[in-house]
Amino acid sequence: MNSYDEMLQHLIIEALNEDIGDGDHSTLSCIAPNARGKAVLKIKQDGVLAGLSVAEKIFTLVEPSVTFTSYKKDGELMVYGEKAFVVEATVHTILKCERLVLNIMQRMSGIATLTRQYADTIKDYSTKILDTRKTTPNFRLLEKEAVKIGGGTNHRYALYDMIMLKDNHIDFAGGIESAINKAWDYVQTKKPGLKIEVETRSLADVKKVIQMGDGKVFRVMLDNFKPSEITEAVGLINKRFETEASGGINLQNIVKYAKTGVDYISVGALIHQAKSLDLSLKAEI
């Protein structure tokens, strides 16, 4: 697959094409093509800053000679009234990029801020926070990057980089044993080295995986288990596989799950429940 930088450049180009179309007529109508200017990114809400490096990439992709001065770094706490960066370029470049930069930084900062809340809540435990594939189509790259900036860990990126046998796969395949065996055979012949995770819906499922999954499965998802059930499952598994808790876990109950000793907790809400933070890009005259 393409590298992060290649995927980011593709995302930026497509997003700019979507926004500009046959021209930024608002700017073309009233600003001279060679006019130069300066704009500052103002922070209007407390949180965790994310997307600053992406903003620099956007401006420099449009105008390589742009001057971009950062006052903060991705992952730092930001406070209302601070400045994140100043950009000096042609006014046409600043105005073409303004909305895309803000949309990305506001969204990424919201995700990073929520992720930091989750990570800080269980910082005294060994359990790590995972994101999911519950992402915005064509924006997954930066949503998952924001999770990392906020202190979380990325689960698989997409369908191609890990086998994850969920409830529907298991039911369609004829049961958990059949699904694991078929997936294992597939990996050996089609995609050597690809890891297999399997979802379990009960302690009985966990026992089946233990009986036949050694050497085939690398992680067991414990889906919609109560904390007491996860504690029992983690004991049964006894480090044979990595363990992941999922389903109905939020800021109010996550400590109960971290106390079980589970390796990972996956939380789709890191991305799909995050609220964008307030930022603005203003001309400095």
C-alpha atoms as a PDB file:
ATOM      1  CA  MET A   1       0.000   0.000   0.000  1.00  0.00           C
ATOM      2  CA  ASN A   2       0.985   3.648  -0.348  1.00  0.00           C
ATOM      3  CA  SER A   3       2.905   5.430   2.386  1.00  0.00           C
ATOM      4  CA  TYR A   4       1.300   7.917   4.788  1.00  0.00           C
ATOM      5  CA  ASP A   5       2.819  10.840   2.870  1.00  0.00           C
ATOM      6  CA  GLU A   6       1.483   9.555  -0.452  1.00  0.00           C
ATOM      7  CA  MET A   7      -2.007   9.009   0.971  1.00  0.00           C
ATOM      8  CA  LEU A   8      -1.953  12.439   2.630  1.00  0.00           C
ATOM      9  CA  GLN A   9      -0.989  14.185  -0.595  1.00  0.00           C
ATOM     10  CA  HIS A  10      -3.773  12.360  -2.438  1.00  0.00           C
ATOM     11  CA  LEU A  11      -6.290  13.376   0.260  1.00  0.00           C
ATOM     12  CA  ILE A  12      -5.225  17.022   0.101  1.00  0.00           C
ATOM     13  CA  ILE A  13      -5.348  17.206  -3.707  1.00  0.00           C
ATOM     14  CA  GLU A  14      -8.799  15.621  -3.862  1.00  0.00           C
ATOM     15  CA  ALA A  15     -10.110  17.865  -1.066  1.00  0.00           C
ATOM     16  CA  LEU A  16      -8.794  21.003  -2.766  1.00  0.00           C
ATOM     17  CA  ASN A  17     -10.296  19.919  -6.091  1.00  0.00           C
ATOM     18  CA  GLU A  18     -13.637  19.355  -4.360  1.00  0.00           C
ATOM     19  CA  ASP A  19     -13.575  22.848  -2.856  1.00  0.00           C
ATOM     20  CA  ILE A  20     -12.022  24.930  -5.643  1.00  0.00           C
ATOM     21  CA  GLY A  21     -13.516  23.338  -8.761  1.00  0.00           C
ATOM     22  CA  ASP A  22     -12.934  25.674 -11.704  1.00  0.00           C
ATOM     23  CA  GLY A  23     -11.710  28.469  -9.455  1.00  0.00           C
ATOM     24  CA  ASP A  24     -11.985  30.340  -6.152  1.00  0.00           C
ATOM     25  CA  HIS A  25     -14.092  33.037  -7.744  1.00  0.00           C
ATOM     26  CA  SER A  26     -14.541  34.990  -4.511  1.00  0.00           C
ATOM     27  CA  THR A  27     -10.790  35.575  -4.380  1.00  0.00           C
ATOM     28  CA  LEU A  28     -10.255  35.845  -8.128  1.00  0.00           C
ATOM     29  CA  SER A  29     -12.868  38.608  -8.288  1.00  0.00           C
ATOM     30  CA  CYS A  30     -11.283  41.009  -5.814  1.00  0.00           C
ATOM     31  CA  ILE A  31      -7.645  40.081  -5.010  1.00  0.00           C
ATOM     32  CA  ALA A  32      -4.707  40.694  -7.344  1.00  0.00           C
ATOM     33  CA  PRO A  33      -2.917  37.430  -8.287  1.00  0.00           C
ATOM     34  CA  ASN A  34       0.452  38.623  -6.949  1.00  0.00           C
ATOM     35  CA  ALA A  35      -0.826  40.141  -3.700  1.00  0.00           C
ATOM     36  CA  ARG A  36       0.898  38.697  -0.646  1.00  0.00           C
ATOM     37  CA  GLY A  37      -0.400  38.445   2.884  1.00  0.00           C
ATOM     38  CA  LYS A  38      -0.123  36.948   6.333  1.00  0.00           C
ATOM     39  CA  ALA A  39      -2.678  34.985   8.377  1.00  0.00           C
ATOM     40  CA  VAL A  40      -2.638  33.584  11.901  1.00  0.00           C
ATOM     41  CA  LEU A  41      -4.339  30.456  13.256  1.00  0.00           C
ATOM     42  CA  LYS A  42      -6.138  31.500  16.438  1.00  0.00           C
ATOM     43  CA  ILE A  43      -7.196  28.993  19.090  1.00  0.00           C
ATOM     44  CA  LYS A  44     -10.701  29.629  20.374  1.00  0.00           C
ATOM     45  CA  GLN A  45     -11.249  26.518  22.510  1.00  0.00           C
ATOM     46  CA  ASP A  46      -9.134  24.560  24.994  1.00  0.00           C
ATOM     47  CA  GLY A  47      -8.054  21.063  24.006  1.00  0.00           C
ATOM     48  CA  VAL A  48      -5.317  19.036  22.322  1.00  0.00           C
ATOM     49  CA  LEU A  49      -3.899  20.483  19.125  1.00  0.00           C
ATOM     50  CA  ALA A  50      -3.803  18.182  16.103  1.00  0.00           C
ATOM     51  CA  GLY A  51      -3.360  18.683  12.379  1.00  0.00           C
ATOM     52  CA  LEU A  52      -0.755  21.429  12.463  1.00  0.00           C
ATOM     53  CA  SER A  53       1.731  19.426  10.404  1.00  0.00           C
ATOM     54  CA  VAL A  54      -1.058  18.664   7.920  1.00  0.00           C
ATOM     55  CA  ALA A  55      -1.830  22.382   7.632  1.00  0.00           C
ATOM     56  CA  GLU A  56       1.793  23.081   6.733  1.00  0.00           C
ATOM     57  CA  LYS A  57       1.655  20.321   4.117  1.00  0.00           C
ATOM     58  CA  ILE A  58      -1.466  21.844   2.554  1.00  0.00           C
ATOM     59  CA  PHE A  59       0.028  25.319   2.230  1.00  0.00           C
ATOM     60  CA  THR A  60       3.393  24.111   0.916  1.00  0.00           C
ATOM     61  CA  LEU A  61       1.732  21.790  -1.578  1.00  0.00           C
ATOM     62  CA  VAL A  62      -0.163  24.726  -3.072  1.00  0.00           C
ATOM     63  CA  GLU A  63       2.753  27.186  -2.805  1.00  0.00           C
ATOM     64  CA  PRO A  64       6.169  25.636  -2.117  1.00  0.00           C
ATOM     65  CA  SER A  65       7.765  29.004  -1.218  1.00  0.00           C
ATOM     66  CA  VAL A  66       5.265  29.690   1.591  1.00  0.00           C
ATOM     67  CA  THR A  67       6.643  30.749   4.985  1.00  0.00           C
ATOM     68  CA  PHE A  68       5.011  28.694   7.752  1.00  0.00           C
ATOM     69  CA  THR A  69       5.933  29.509  11.364  1.00  0.00           C
ATOM     70  CA  SER A  70       4.648  27.174  14.088  1.00  0.00           C
ATOM     71  CA  TYR A  71       4.145  28.302  17.671  1.00  0.00           C
ATOM     72  CA  LYS A  72       2.933  24.956  18.938  1.00  0.00           C
ATOM     73  CA  LYS A  73       3.254  21.223  18.117  1.00  0.00           C
ATOM     74  CA  ASP A  74       0.744  18.469  17.419  1.00  0.00           C
ATOM     75  CA  GLY A  75      -0.245  16.790  20.679  1.00  0.00           C
ATOM     76  CA  GLU A  76       0.314  19.844  22.860  1.00  0.00           C
ATOM     77  CA  LEU A  77      -2.430  21.261  25.030  1.00  0.00           C
ATOM     78  CA  MET A  78      -3.887  24.435  23.566  1.00  0.00           C
ATOM     79  CA  VAL A  79      -5.669  27.218  25.396  1.00  0.00           C
ATOM     80  CA  TYR A  80      -8.161  29.808  24.204  1.00  0.00           C
ATOM     81  CA  GLY A  81      -6.363  32.901  22.928  1.00  0.00           C
ATOM     82  CA  GLU A  82      -3.139  31.196  21.851  1.00  0.00           C
ATOM     83  CA  LYS A  83      -1.768  31.244  18.316  1.00  0.00           C
ATOM     84  CA  ALA A  84      -0.837  27.970  16.605  1.00  0.00           C
ATOM     85  CA  PHE A  85       0.933  29.260  13.507  1.00  0.00           C
ATOM     86  CA  VAL A  86       1.435  32.152  11.118  1.00  0.00           C
ATOM     87  CA  VAL A  87       1.495  31.630   7.352  1.00  0.00           C
ATOM     88  CA  GLU A  88       2.895  34.080   4.806  1.00  0.00           C
ATOM     89  CA  ALA A  89       2.073  33.467   1.146  1.00  0.00           C
ATOM     90  CA  THR A  90       0.095  34.891  -1.748  1.00  0.00           C
ATOM     91  CA  VAL A  91      -3.371  35.868  -0.605  1.00  0.00           C
ATOM     92  CA  HIS A  92      -4.802  33.500  -3.226  1.00  0.00           C
ATOM     93  CA  THR A  93      -3.011  30.566  -1.582  1.00  0.00           C
ATOM     94  CA  ILE A  94      -4.112  31.554   1.925  1.00  0.00           C
ATOM     95  CA  LEU A  95      -7.757  31.856   0.922  1.00  0.00           C
ATOM     96  CA  LYS A  96      -7.784  28.673  -1.178  1.00  0.00           C
ATOM     97  CA  CYS A  97      -6.397  26.660   1.726  1.00  0.00           C
ATOM     98  CA  GLU A  98      -8.189  28.348   4.627  1.00  0.00           C
ATOM     99  CA  ARG A  99     -11.323  26.201   4.830  1.00  0.00           C
ATOM    100  CA  LEU A 100      -9.541  22.889   4.251  1.00  0.00           C
ATOM    101  CA  VAL A 101      -6.945  23.690   6.920  1.00  0.00           C
ATOM    102  CA  LEU A 102      -9.633  24.642   9.418  1.00  0.00           C
ATOM    103  CA  ASN A 103     -11.881  21.663   8.648  1.00  0.00           C
ATOM    104  CA  ILE A 104      -8.967  19.255   9.137  1.00  0.00           C
ATOM    105  CA  MET A 105      -7.463  20.873  12.243  1.00  0.00           C
ATOM    106  CA  GLN A 106     -10.824  21.342  13.966  1.00  0.00           C
ATOM    107  CA  ARG A 107     -11.809  17.723  13.342  1.00  0.00           C
ATOM    108  CA  MET A 108      -8.427  16.269  14.252  1.00  0.00           C
ATOM    109  CA  SER A 109      -8.161  18.404  17.396  1.00  0.00           C
ATOM    110  CA  GLY A 110     -11.596  17.232  18.539  1.00  0.00           C
ATOM    111  CA  ILE A 111     -10.591  13.581  18.107  1.00  0.00           C
ATOM    112  CA  ALA A 112      -7.215  14.090  19.782  1.00  0.00           C
ATOM    113  CA  THR A 113      -8.860  15.875  22.709  1.00  0.00           C
ATOM    114  CA  LEU A 114     -11.430  13.118  23.292  1.00  0.00           C
ATOM    115  CA  THR A 115      -8.778  10.415  22.899  1.00  0.00           C
ATOM    116  CA  ARG A 116      -6.590  12.154  25.484  1.00  0.00           C
ATOM    117  CA  GLN A 117      -9.515  12.109  27.922  1.00  0.00           C
ATOM    118  CA  TYR A 118      -9.864   8.339  27.496  1.00  0.00           C
ATOM    119  CA  ALA A 119      -6.118   7.711  27.690  1.00  0.00           C
ATOM    120  CA  ASP A 120      -5.719   9.867  30.800  1.00  0.00           C
ATOM    121  CA  THR A 121      -8.650   8.148  32.509  1.00  0.00           C
ATOM    122  CA  ILE A 122      -6.855   4.771  32.423  1.00  0.00           C
ATOM    123  CA  LYS A 123      -3.249   6.018  32.583  1.00  0.00           C
ATOM    124  CA  ASP A 124      -2.657   4.069  35.798  1.00  0.00           C
ATOM    125  CA  TYR A 125      -3.405   0.744  34.070  1.00  0.00           C
ATOM    126  CA  SER A 126      -1.539  -1.256  31.432  1.00  0.00           C
ATOM    127  CA  THR A 127      -4.564  -1.328  29.099  1.00  0.00           C
ATOM    128  CA  LYS A 128      -4.255   0.631  25.866  1.00  0.00           C
ATOM    129  CA  ILE A 129      -6.991   2.477  23.958  1.00  0.00           C
ATOM    130  CA  LEU A 130      -7.749   1.389  20.376  1.00  0.00           C
ATOM    131  CA  ASP A 131      -9.760   3.108  17.680  1.00  0.00           C
ATOM    132  CA  THR A 132     -11.979   1.264  15.161  1.00  0.00           C
ATOM    133  CA  ARG A 133     -13.007   1.402  11.491  1.00  0.00           C
ATOM    134  CA  LYS A 134     -15.980   3.597  12.429  1.00  0.00           C
ATOM    135  CA  THR A 135     -14.480   6.488  10.483  1.00  0.00           C
ATOM    136  CA  THR A 136     -15.542   9.075   7.917  1.00  0.00           C
ATOM    137  CA  PRO A 137     -15.115   7.730   4.356  1.00  0.00           C
ATOM    138  CA  ASN A 138     -12.013   9.194   2.679  1.00  0.00           C
ATOM    139  CA  PHE A 139     -10.901  10.858   5.928  1.00  0.00           C
ATOM    140  CA  ARG A 140      -9.785   7.773   7.880  1.00  0.00           C
ATOM    141  CA  LEU A 141      -6.096   8.594   7.406  1.00  0.00           C
ATOM    142  CA  LEU A 142      -6.293  11.775   9.456  1.00  0.00           C
ATOM    143  CA  GLU A 143      -8.885  10.578  11.962  1.00  0.00           C
ATOM    144  CA  LYS A 144      -6.618   7.698  12.910  1.00  0.00           C
ATOM    145  CA  GLU A 145      -3.608  10.017  12.962  1.00  0.00           C
ATOM    146  CA  ALA A 146      -5.510  12.239  15.409  1.00  0.00           C
ATOM    147  CA  VAL A 147      -6.104   9.227  17.676  1.00  0.00           C
ATOM    148  CA  LYS A 148      -2.345   8.634  17.806  1.00  0.00           C
ATOM    149  CA  ILE A 149      -1.688  12.307  18.505  1.00  0.00           C
ATOM    150  CA  GLY A 150      -4.176  12.123  21.386  1.00  0.00           C
ATOM    151  CA  GLY A 151      -2.391   9.160  22.973  1.00  0.00           C
ATOM    152  CA  GLY A 152      -4.412   6.261  21.580  1.00  0.00           C
ATOM    153  CA  THR A 153      -3.309   3.285  19.488  1.00  0.00           C
ATOM    154  CA  ASN A 154      -4.517   2.464  16.005  1.00  0.00           C
ATOM    155  CA  HIS A 155      -6.346  -0.826  15.465  1.00  0.00           C
ATOM    156  CA  ARG A 156      -6.097  -2.252  11.947  1.00  0.00           C
ATOM    157  CA  TYR A 157      -6.206   0.503   9.355  1.00  0.00           C
ATOM    158  CA  ALA A 158      -8.618  -1.232   6.991  1.00  0.00           C
ATOM    159  CA  LEU A 159      -9.879  -4.598   5.782  1.00  0.00           C
ATOM    160  CA  TYR A 160      -6.593  -5.500   4.106  1.00  0.00           C
ATOM    161  CA  ASP A 161      -4.083  -5.329   6.968  1.00  0.00           C
ATOM    162  CA  MET A 162      -5.603  -7.772   9.477  1.00  0.00           C
ATOM    163  CA  ILE A 163      -8.162 -10.567   9.474  1.00  0.00           C
ATOM    164  CA  MET A 164     -10.864  -9.797  12.020  1.00  0.00           C
ATOM    165  CA  LEU A 165     -13.495 -12.514  12.314  1.00  0.00           C
ATOM    166  CA  LYS A 166     -16.559 -10.746  13.671  1.00  0.00           C
ATOM    167  CA  ASP A 167     -19.980 -12.148  14.480  1.00  0.00           C
ATOM    168  CA  ASN A 168     -21.245 -12.033  10.885  1.00  0.00           C
ATOM    169  CA  HIS A 169     -18.127 -13.743   9.513  1.00  0.00           C
ATOM    170  CA  ILE A 170     -18.476 -16.474  12.146  1.00  0.00           C
ATOM    171  CA  ASP A 171     -22.182 -17.004  11.513  1.00  0.00           C
ATOM    172  CA  PHE A 172     -21.803 -17.063   7.727  1.00  0.00           C
ATOM    173  CA  ALA A 173     -18.767 -19.379   7.962  1.00  0.00           C
ATOM    174  CA  GLY A 174     -20.623 -21.952  10.069  1.00  0.00           C
ATOM    175  CA  GLY A 175     -19.234 -21.325  13.538  1.00  0.00           C
ATOM    176  CA  ILE A 176     -16.156 -20.038  15.304  1.00  0.00           C
ATOM    177  CA  GLU A 177     -14.012 -23.138  14.729  1.00  0.00           C
ATOM    178  CA  SER A 178     -14.810 -23.222  11.019  1.00  0.00           C
ATOM    179  CA  ALA A 179     -14.132 -19.510  10.610  1.00  0.00           C
ATOM    180  CA  ILE A 180     -10.738 -19.729  12.317  1.00  0.00           C
ATOM    181  CA  ASN A 181      -9.642 -22.796  10.351  1.00  0.00           C
ATOM    182  CA  LYS A 182     -10.709 -21.297   7.023  1.00  0.00           C
ATOM    183  CA  ALA A 183      -8.985 -18.002   7.821  1.00  0.00           C
ATOM    184  CA  TRP A 184      -5.807 -19.816   8.886  1.00  0.00           C
ATOM    185  CA  ASP A 185      -5.725 -21.836   5.660  1.00  0.00           C
ATOM    186  CA  TYR A 186      -6.303 -18.644   3.661  1.00  0.00           C
ATOM    187  CA  VAL A 187      -3.407 -16.873   5.350  1.00  0.00           C
ATOM    188  CA  GLN A 188      -1.015 -19.764   4.675  1.00  0.00           C
ATOM    189  CA  THR A 189      -1.775 -19.783   0.946  1.00  0.00           C
ATOM    190  CA  LYS A 190      -2.776 -16.202   0.146  1.00  0.00           C
ATOM    191  CA  LYS A 191      -1.293 -13.756   2.649  1.00  0.00           C
ATOM    192  CA  PRO A 192       1.470 -15.244   4.855  1.00  0.00           C
ATOM    193  CA  GLY A 193       2.007 -13.305   8.062  1.00  0.00           C
ATOM    194  CA  LEU A 194      -1.418 -11.688   8.153  1.00  0.00           C
ATOM    195  CA  LYS A 195      -2.680 -11.725  11.748  1.00  0.00           C
ATOM    196  CA  ILE A 196      -6.046 -13.150  12.765  1.00  0.00           C
ATOM    197  CA  GLU A 197      -8.275 -11.664  15.455  1.00  0.00           C
ATOM    198  CA  VAL A 198     -11.518 -13.369  16.428  1.00  0.00           C
ATOM    199  CA  GLU A 199     -14.564 -11.923  18.157  1.00  0.00           C
ATOM    200  CA  THR A 200     -16.101 -13.910  20.987  1.00  0.00           C
ATOM    201  CA  ARG A 201     -19.604 -13.389  22.349  1.00  0.00           C
ATOM    202  CA  SER A 202     -19.466 -15.634  25.405  1.00  0.00           C
ATOM    203  CA  LEU A 203     -17.087 -17.483  27.694  1.00  0.00           C
ATOM    204  CA  ALA A 204     -18.010 -20.627  25.772  1.00  0.00           C
ATOM    205  CA  ASP A 205     -16.624 -18.980  22.622  1.00  0.00           C
ATOM    206  CA  VAL A 206     -13.448 -18.076  24.482  1.00  0.00           C
ATOM    207  CA  LYS A 207     -12.974 -21.692  25.517  1.00  0.00           C
ATOM    208  CA  LYS A 208     -13.432 -22.839  21.910  1.00  0.00           C
ATOM    209  CA  VAL A 209     -10.727 -20.423  20.744  1.00  0.00           C
ATOM    210  CA  ILE A 210      -8.379 -21.631  23.474  1.00  0.00           C
ATOM    211  CA  GLN A 211      -8.971 -25.238  22.471  1.00  0.00           C
ATOM    212  CA  MET A 212      -8.250 -24.805  18.788  1.00  0.00           C
ATOM    213  CA  GLY A 213      -6.819 -21.356  18.155  1.00  0.00           C
ATOM    214  CA  ASP A 214      -3.300 -21.650  19.609  1.00  0.00           C
ATOM    215  CA  GLY A 215      -0.831 -20.570  16.936  1.00  0.00           C
ATOM    216  CA  LYS A 216      -3.626 -19.419  14.641  1.00  0.00           C
ATOM    217  CA  VAL A 217      -5.187 -16.519  16.517  1.00  0.00           C
ATOM    218  CA  PHE A 218      -3.170 -13.592  17.873  1.00  0.00           C
ATOM    219  CA  ARG A 219      -5.930 -11.580  19.564  1.00  0.00           C
ATOM    220  CA  VAL A 220      -9.339 -12.357  21.050  1.00  0.00           C
ATOM    221  CA  MET A 221     -12.015  -9.693  21.144  1.00  0.00           C
ATOM    222  CA  LEU A 222     -14.363  -9.926  24.111  1.00  0.00           C
ATOM    223  CA  ASP A 223     -17.472  -8.257  22.749  1.00  0.00           C
ATOM    224  CA  ASN A 224     -20.125  -6.888  25.101  1.00  0.00           C
ATOM    225  CA  PHE A 225     -18.705  -8.823  28.063  1.00  0.00           C
ATOM    226  CA  LYS A 226     -19.314  -7.527  31.570  1.00  0.00           C
ATOM    227  CA  PRO A 227     -16.118  -6.562  33.465  1.00  0.00           C
ATOM    228  CA  SER A 228     -16.459  -9.658  35.657  1.00  0.00           C
ATOM    229  CA  GLU A 229     -16.691 -11.848  32.544  1.00  0.00           C
ATOM    230  CA  ILE A 230     -13.628 -10.163  31.049  1.00  0.00           C
ATOM    231  CA  THR A 231     -11.681 -10.860  34.225  1.00  0.00           C
ATOM    232  CA  GLU A 232     -12.618 -14.528  33.917  1.00  0.00           C
ATOM    233  CA  ALA A 233     -11.808 -14.611  30.191  1.00  0.00           C
ATOM    234  CA  VAL A 234      -8.416 -12.962  30.705  1.00  0.00           C
ATOM    235  CA  GLY A 235      -7.657 -15.604  33.333  1.00  0.00           C
ATOM    236  CA  LEU A 236      -8.680 -18.438  31.014  1.00  0.00           C
ATOM    237  CA  ILE A 237      -6.646 -17.048  28.119  1.00  0.00           C
ATOM    238  CA  ASN A 238      -3.630 -16.609  30.405  1.00  0.00           C
ATOM    239  CA  LYS A 239      -1.556 -14.637  27.867  1.00  0.00           C
ATOM    240  CA  ARG A 240      -2.003 -17.199  25.044  1.00  0.00           C
ATOM    241  CA  PHE A 241      -3.453 -14.381  22.974  1.00  0.00           C
ATOM    242  CA  GLU A 242      -3.762 -10.638  23.198  1.00  0.00           C
ATOM    243  CA  THR A 243      -7.141  -9.568  24.587  1.00  0.00           C
ATOM    244  CA  GLU A 244      -9.437  -6.733  23.540  1.00  0.00           C
ATOM    245  CA  ALA A 245     -12.613  -5.524  25.220  1.00  0.00           C
ATOM    246  CA  SER A 246     -15.275  -3.883  23.085  1.00  0.00           C
ATOM    247  CA  GLY A 247     -18.895  -2.757  23.239  1.00  0.00           C
ATOM    248  CA  GLY A 248     -20.623  -0.146  25.373  1.00  0.00           C
ATOM    249  CA  ILE A 249     -17.434   1.206  26.935  1.00  0.00           C
ATOM    250  CA  ASN A 250     -17.306   4.924  27.698  1.00  0.00           C
ATOM    251  CA  LEU A 251     -15.602   7.457  29.952  1.00  0.00           C
ATOM    252  CA  GLN A 252     -17.921   6.616  32.817  1.00  0.00           C
ATOM    253  CA  ASN A 253     -17.197   2.875  32.947  1.00  0.00           C
ATOM    254  CA  ILE A 254     -13.812   2.432  31.250  1.00  0.00           C
ATOM    255  CA  VAL A 255     -11.849   2.133  34.505  1.00  0.00           C
ATOM    256  CA  LYS A 256     -13.900  -0.945  35.440  1.00  0.00           C
ATOM    257  CA  TYR A 257     -12.750  -2.556  32.192  1.00  0.00           C
ATOM    258  CA  ALA A 258      -9.119  -1.486  32.561  1.00  0.00           C
ATOM    259  CA  LYS A 259      -9.054  -3.067  36.026  1.00  0.00           C
ATOM    260  CA  THR A 260      -9.711  -6.493  34.445  1.00  0.00           C
ATOM    261  CA  GLY A 261      -6.193  -6.627  33.013  1.00  0.00           C
ATOM    262  CA  VAL A 262      -7.386  -6.731  29.394  1.00  0.00           C
ATOM    263  CA  ASP A 263      -4.663  -5.653  26.938  1.00  0.00           C
ATOM    264  CA  TYR A 264      -6.769  -3.313  24.817  1.00  0.00           C
ATOM    265  CA  ILE A 265     -10.084  -1.505  24.902  1.00  0.00           C
ATOM    266  CA  SER A 266     -11.509  -0.472  21.532  1.00  0.00           C
ATOM    267  CA  VAL A 267     -13.748   2.597  21.481  1.00  0.00           C
ATOM    268  CA  GLY A 268     -15.435   3.682  18.255  1.00  0.00           C
ATOM    269  CA  ALA A 269     -16.566   6.879  19.992  1.00  0.00           C
ATOM    270  CA  LEU A 270     -13.024   8.274  19.856  1.00  0.00           C
ATOM    271  CA  ILE A 271     -13.817   9.202  16.265  1.00  0.00           C
ATOM    272  CA  HIS A 272     -17.565   9.068  15.680  1.00  0.00           C
ATOM    273  CA  GLN A 273     -18.519  10.934  18.875  1.00  0.00           C
ATOM    274  CA  ALA A 274     -15.727  13.546  18.817  1.00  0.00           C
ATOM    275  CA  LYS A 275     -16.766  17.195  18.455  1.00  0.00           C
ATOM    276  CA  SER A 276     -14.702  19.559  16.335  1.00  0.00           C
ATOM    277  CA  LEU A 277     -12.935  22.311  18.266  1.00  0.00           C
ATOM    278  CA  ASP A 278     -13.153  26.010  17.414  1.00  0.00           C
ATOM    279  CA  LEU A 279     -10.234  27.485  15.469  1.00  0.00           C
ATOM    280  CA  SER A 280     -10.017  30.439  13.090  1.00  0.00           C
ATOM    281  CA  LEU A 281      -7.580  31.687  10.456  1.00  0.00           C
ATOM    282  CA  LYS A 282      -7.485  35.478  10.388  1.00  0.00           C
ATOM    283  CA  ALA A 283      -5.658  37.938   8.158  1.00  0.00           C
ATOM    284  CA  GLU A 284      -2.953  40.031   9.797  1.00  0.00           C
ATOM    285  CA  ILE A 285      -2.906  43.427   8.111  1.00  0.00           C
END
